[in-house]
Amino acid sequence: MRDSIKKSIGSTVQDLLNSGLEVSFTKKELKDLGVKIPDVEFPPEKITKLRKQMNLSQAVFADLLNVSPSTIRQWEQGKRTPSGSTQVLLELLEKSPHLLDYRLTA
């Protein structure tokens, strides 16, 4: 299948998922349609950059993500790696830095 057709089909599938219609796809169906779910990688320097762009200390960033400050420090030093779901959350925060503002209360 040509790349342009795959892109068009992928876009249509994404529109279906975003439309609110009840649709369901298996992994095999998505693969057959040429739709891929890319791996997420959030290296240490990206974590530090994101935290600094959000103007947060390691302690506040840790509270926001519900992890220990030690965990943030280890991520930023490359001693540990965030779990897959946490990497997705970090990716979402990179795209929408105010995504978790609701967790900050006065």
N, C-alpha and C. Protein backbone atom coordinates (compact mmCIF):
# COMPACT_ATOMS: atom_id res chain seq x y z
N MET A 1 0.84 -1.17 0.00
CA MET A 1 0.00 0.00 0.00
C MET A 1 0.89 1.24 0.00
N ARG A 2 0.56 2.22 -0.81
CA ARG A 2 1.35 3.45 -0.91
C ARG A 2 1.29 4.24 0.39
N ASP A 3 2.35 4.98 0.67
CA ASP A 3 2.43 5.77 1.89
C ASP A 3 1.30 6.79 1.98
N SER A 4 0.95 7.42 0.88
CA SER A 4 -0.10 8.44 0.91
C SER A 4 -1.45 7.83 1.29
N ILE A 5 -1.70 6.62 0.82
CA ILE A 5 -2.94 5.93 1.17
C ILE A 5 -2.93 5.55 2.64
N LYS A 6 -1.78 5.04 3.12
CA LYS A 6 -1.66 4.68 4.53
C LYS A 6 -1.88 5.90 5.42
N LYS A 7 -1.32 7.03 5.04
CA LYS A 7 -1.49 8.25 5.83
C LYS A 7 -2.95 8.68 5.85
N SER A 8 -3.60 8.58 4.72
CA SER A 8 -5.01 8.95 4.62
C SER A 8 -5.87 8.04 5.50
N ILE A 9 -5.61 6.74 5.43
CA ILE A 9 -6.35 5.78 6.24
C ILE A 9 -6.06 6.03 7.73
N GLY A 10 -4.81 6.27 8.07
CA GLY A 10 -4.46 6.56 9.46
C GLY A 10 -5.17 7.79 9.97
N SER A 11 -5.25 8.81 9.15
CA SER A 11 -5.94 10.05 9.51
C SER A 11 -7.43 9.80 9.72
N THR A 12 -8.02 8.99 8.85
CA THR A 12 -9.44 8.65 8.97
C THR A 12 -9.71 7.86 10.25
N VAL A 13 -8.84 6.91 10.56
CA VAL A 13 -8.98 6.12 11.79
C VAL A 13 -8.89 7.06 12.99
N GLN A 14 -7.92 7.98 12.97
CA GLN A 14 -7.77 8.93 14.08
C GLN A 14 -9.02 9.79 14.22
N ASP A 15 -9.58 10.25 13.10
CA ASP A 15 -10.81 11.04 13.14
C ASP A 15 -11.96 10.23 13.74
N LEU A 16 -12.04 8.95 13.38
CA LEU A 16 -13.08 8.10 13.97
C LEU A 16 -12.92 8.00 15.48
N LEU A 17 -11.70 7.80 15.92
CA LEU A 17 -11.44 7.68 17.36
C LEU A 17 -11.76 8.99 18.09
N ASN A 18 -11.48 10.11 17.45
CA ASN A 18 -11.71 11.42 18.06
C ASN A 18 -13.16 11.87 17.99
N SER A 19 -13.95 11.23 17.14
CA SER A 19 -15.32 11.68 16.89
C SER A 19 -16.30 11.36 18.01
N GLY A 20 -15.93 10.45 18.87
CA GLY A 20 -16.84 10.05 19.94
C GLY A 20 -17.70 8.86 19.55
N LEU A 21 -17.60 8.43 18.30
CA LEU A 21 -18.33 7.24 17.90
C LEU A 21 -17.75 6.02 18.60
N GLU A 22 -18.58 5.06 18.86
CA GLU A 22 -18.08 3.83 19.47
C GLU A 22 -17.43 2.98 18.40
N VAL A 23 -16.12 3.01 18.41
CA VAL A 23 -15.34 2.20 17.47
C VAL A 23 -14.30 1.44 18.27
N SER A 24 -13.90 0.34 17.74
CA SER A 24 -12.89 -0.46 18.41
C SER A 24 -12.01 -1.11 17.35
N PHE A 25 -10.72 -1.04 17.59
CA PHE A 25 -9.77 -1.63 16.66
C PHE A 25 -8.84 -2.55 17.43
N THR A 26 -8.52 -3.66 16.83
CA THR A 26 -7.52 -4.54 17.42
C THR A 26 -6.15 -4.08 16.94
N LYS A 27 -5.13 -4.57 17.60
CA LYS A 27 -3.77 -4.23 17.21
C LYS A 27 -3.51 -4.69 15.77
N LYS A 28 -4.00 -5.88 15.43
CA LYS A 28 -3.81 -6.41 14.09
C LYS A 28 -4.52 -5.53 13.05
N GLU A 29 -5.74 -5.09 13.36
CA GLU A 29 -6.46 -4.24 12.42
C GLU A 29 -5.72 -2.93 12.18
N LEU A 30 -5.22 -2.32 13.26
CA LEU A 30 -4.47 -1.08 13.09
C LEU A 30 -3.22 -1.31 12.27
N LYS A 31 -2.54 -2.43 12.52
CA LYS A 31 -1.34 -2.76 11.76
C LYS A 31 -1.68 -2.92 10.29
N ASP A 32 -2.78 -3.65 10.00
CA ASP A 32 -3.19 -3.86 8.61
C ASP A 32 -3.54 -2.54 7.92
N LEU A 33 -4.05 -1.56 8.70
CA LEU A 33 -4.40 -0.26 8.14
C LEU A 33 -3.18 0.67 8.05
N GLY A 34 -2.05 0.21 8.56
CA GLY A 34 -0.84 1.03 8.51
C GLY A 34 -0.76 2.07 9.61
N VAL A 35 -1.57 1.89 10.67
CA VAL A 35 -1.56 2.82 11.79
C VAL A 35 -0.60 2.30 12.85
N LYS A 36 0.32 3.16 13.29
CA LYS A 36 1.29 2.75 14.29
C LYS A 36 1.15 3.60 15.54
N ILE A 37 1.42 3.00 16.67
CA ILE A 37 1.50 3.73 17.93
C ILE A 37 2.99 3.80 18.26
N PRO A 38 3.57 4.99 18.12
CA PRO A 38 5.02 5.08 18.31
C PRO A 38 5.43 4.89 19.77
N ASP A 39 6.63 4.38 19.95
CA ASP A 39 7.19 4.28 21.29
C ASP A 39 7.49 5.68 21.80
N VAL A 40 7.41 5.83 23.11
CA VAL A 40 7.72 7.11 23.73
C VAL A 40 9.03 6.95 24.49
N GLU A 41 9.94 7.86 24.23
CA GLU A 41 11.19 7.87 24.97
C GLU A 41 11.39 9.27 25.52
N PHE A 42 11.64 9.33 26.81
CA PHE A 42 11.86 10.61 27.47
C PHE A 42 13.19 10.56 28.19
N PRO A 43 14.27 10.94 27.50
CA PRO A 43 15.61 10.89 28.11
C PRO A 43 15.76 11.93 29.23
N PRO A 44 16.76 11.76 30.07
CA PRO A 44 16.96 12.64 31.23
C PRO A 44 16.96 14.13 30.90
N GLU A 45 17.65 14.51 29.83
CA GLU A 45 17.72 15.94 29.51
C GLU A 45 16.36 16.53 29.14
N LYS A 46 15.49 15.72 28.55
CA LYS A 46 14.14 16.18 28.21
C LYS A 46 13.31 16.39 29.47
N ILE A 47 13.49 15.53 30.47
CA ILE A 47 12.76 15.66 31.73
C ILE A 47 13.17 16.95 32.42
N THR A 48 14.48 17.19 32.49
CA THR A 48 14.99 18.42 33.12
C THR A 48 14.48 19.65 32.37
N LYS A 49 14.55 19.61 31.04
CA LYS A 49 14.09 20.74 30.23
C LYS A 49 12.60 21.01 30.47
N LEU A 50 11.79 19.96 30.48
CA LEU A 50 10.35 20.12 30.71
C LEU A 50 10.10 20.74 32.09
N ARG A 51 10.74 20.20 33.11
CA ARG A 51 10.54 20.71 34.47
C ARG A 51 10.91 22.19 34.56
N LYS A 52 12.04 22.55 33.94
CA LYS A 52 12.48 23.94 33.98
C LYS A 52 11.56 24.86 33.17
N GLN A 53 11.05 24.35 32.04
CA GLN A 53 10.10 25.15 31.25
C GLN A 53 8.82 25.41 32.03
N MET A 54 8.47 24.47 32.90
CA MET A 54 7.28 24.63 33.74
C MET A 54 7.58 25.46 34.99
N ASN A 55 8.85 25.87 35.14
CA ASN A 55 9.29 26.67 36.28
C ASN A 55 9.00 25.98 37.61
N LEU A 56 9.31 24.69 37.69
CA LEU A 56 9.05 23.92 38.91
C LEU A 56 10.35 23.36 39.47
N SER A 57 10.43 23.34 40.79
CA SER A 57 11.55 22.66 41.44
C SER A 57 11.33 21.16 41.30
N GLN A 58 12.37 20.39 41.59
CA GLN A 58 12.22 18.93 41.55
C GLN A 58 11.16 18.47 42.54
N ALA A 59 11.11 19.09 43.72
CA ALA A 59 10.15 18.69 44.75
C ALA A 59 8.71 18.95 44.30
N VAL A 60 8.46 20.10 43.71
CA VAL A 60 7.09 20.43 43.25
C VAL A 60 6.71 19.56 42.05
N PHE A 61 7.64 19.36 41.14
CA PHE A 61 7.40 18.50 39.98
C PHE A 61 7.06 17.08 40.46
N ALA A 62 7.79 16.61 41.46
CA ALA A 62 7.53 15.28 42.03
C ALA A 62 6.12 15.21 42.62
N ASP A 63 5.74 16.23 43.37
CA ASP A 63 4.38 16.25 43.95
C ASP A 63 3.32 16.23 42.85
N LEU A 64 3.56 17.00 41.81
CA LEU A 64 2.61 17.08 40.70
C LEU A 64 2.42 15.72 40.03
N LEU A 65 3.53 14.96 39.90
CA LEU A 65 3.47 13.65 39.25
C LEU A 65 3.21 12.51 40.24
N ASN A 66 3.12 12.86 41.52
CA ASN A 66 2.87 11.87 42.57
C ASN A 66 3.98 10.83 42.65
N VAL A 67 5.22 11.33 42.59
CA VAL A 67 6.40 10.49 42.78
C VAL A 67 7.30 11.21 43.79
N SER A 68 8.34 10.55 44.24
CA SER A 68 9.24 11.17 45.22
C SER A 68 10.22 12.11 44.53
N PRO A 69 10.71 13.12 45.26
CA PRO A 69 11.75 13.99 44.69
C PRO A 69 12.98 13.19 44.28
N SER A 70 13.28 12.13 45.02
CA SER A 70 14.41 11.26 44.68
C SER A 70 14.22 10.63 43.30
N THR A 71 12.99 10.26 42.99
CA THR A 71 12.70 9.67 41.67
C THR A 71 12.98 10.67 40.56
N ILE A 72 12.53 11.92 40.75
CA ILE A 72 12.79 12.96 39.74
C ILE A 72 14.29 13.15 39.57
N ARG A 73 15.00 13.22 40.67
CA ARG A 73 16.46 13.40 40.64
C ARG A 73 17.13 12.26 39.87
N GLN A 74 16.69 11.03 40.15
CA GLN A 74 17.27 9.87 39.47
C GLN A 74 16.92 9.85 37.98
N TRP A 75 15.71 10.27 37.62
CA TRP A 75 15.36 10.37 36.21
C TRP A 75 16.26 11.37 35.51
N GLU A 76 16.44 12.53 36.15
CA GLU A 76 17.23 13.59 35.53
C GLU A 76 18.71 13.24 35.45
N GLN A 77 19.17 12.38 36.34
CA GLN A 77 20.56 11.94 36.32
C GLN A 77 20.76 10.71 35.44
N GLY A 78 19.69 10.15 34.93
CA GLY A 78 19.77 8.97 34.08
C GLY A 78 19.99 7.67 34.84
N LYS A 79 19.80 7.71 36.17
CA LYS A 79 19.98 6.50 36.97
C LYS A 79 18.75 5.60 36.92
N ARG A 80 17.61 6.19 36.66
CA ARG A 80 16.36 5.43 36.49
C ARG A 80 15.62 6.00 35.30
N THR A 81 14.68 5.21 34.81
CA THR A 81 13.86 5.62 33.67
C THR A 81 12.40 5.60 34.08
N PRO A 82 11.62 6.62 33.70
CA PRO A 82 10.19 6.59 34.01
C PRO A 82 9.52 5.39 33.34
N SER A 83 8.46 4.90 33.96
CA SER A 83 7.70 3.79 33.39
C SER A 83 7.05 4.26 32.09
N GLY A 84 6.53 3.31 31.33
CA GLY A 84 5.90 3.62 30.06
C GLY A 84 4.76 4.61 30.18
N SER A 85 3.87 4.41 31.17
CA SER A 85 2.74 5.31 31.33
C SER A 85 3.20 6.69 31.78
N THR A 86 4.24 6.75 32.60
CA THR A 86 4.77 8.04 33.03
C THR A 86 5.43 8.76 31.87
N GLN A 87 6.07 8.02 30.97
CA GLN A 87 6.66 8.64 29.79
C GLN A 87 5.58 9.27 28.91
N VAL A 88 4.44 8.60 28.81
CA VAL A 88 3.33 9.15 28.03
C VAL A 88 2.82 10.42 28.71
N LEU A 89 2.71 10.41 30.04
CA LEU A 89 2.29 11.60 30.78
C LEU A 89 3.27 12.75 30.55
N LEU A 90 4.57 12.46 30.60
CA LEU A 90 5.57 13.49 30.36
C LEU A 90 5.45 14.04 28.93
N GLU A 91 5.18 13.15 27.98
CA GLU A 91 4.99 13.59 26.60
C GLU A 91 3.78 14.52 26.49
N LEU A 92 2.70 14.18 27.18
CA LEU A 92 1.51 15.04 27.18
C LEU A 92 1.81 16.39 27.81
N LEU A 93 2.58 16.38 28.91
CA LEU A 93 2.96 17.63 29.56
C LEU A 93 3.84 18.48 28.65
N GLU A 94 4.67 17.84 27.86
CA GLU A 94 5.52 18.58 26.93
C GLU A 94 4.65 19.30 25.89
N LYS A 95 3.58 18.65 25.46
CA LYS A 95 2.69 19.24 24.46
C LYS A 95 1.73 20.26 25.08
N SER A 96 1.31 20.01 26.34
CA SER A 96 0.37 20.88 27.06
C SER A 96 0.86 21.07 28.49
N PRO A 97 1.80 21.99 28.70
CA PRO A 97 2.41 22.14 30.03
C PRO A 97 1.43 22.46 31.16
N HIS A 98 0.25 22.95 30.83
CA HIS A 98 -0.72 23.30 31.87
C HIS A 98 -1.72 22.18 32.13
N LEU A 99 -1.45 21.02 31.58
CA LEU A 99 -2.35 19.88 31.68
C LEU A 99 -2.67 19.50 33.13
N LEU A 100 -1.70 19.61 34.02
CA LEU A 100 -1.91 19.21 35.41
C LEU A 100 -2.09 20.39 36.36
N ASP A 101 -2.37 21.56 35.81
CA ASP A 101 -2.58 22.73 36.67
C ASP A 101 -3.72 22.52 37.66
N TYR A 102 -4.69 21.71 37.30
CA TYR A 102 -5.81 21.47 38.21
C TYR A 102 -5.35 20.85 39.54
N ARG A 103 -4.17 20.24 39.53
CA ARG A 103 -3.64 19.62 40.76
C ARG A 103 -3.03 20.64 41.71
N LEU A 104 -2.82 21.86 41.21
CA LEU A 104 -2.27 22.92 42.05
C LEU A 104 -3.44 23.70 42.65
N THR A 105 -3.59 23.63 43.95
CA THR A 105 -4.71 24.31 44.60
C THR A 105 -4.18 25.37 45.56
N ALA A 106 -5.00 26.37 45.77
CA ALA A 106 -4.62 27.48 46.69
C ALA A 106 -5.12 27.19 48.09
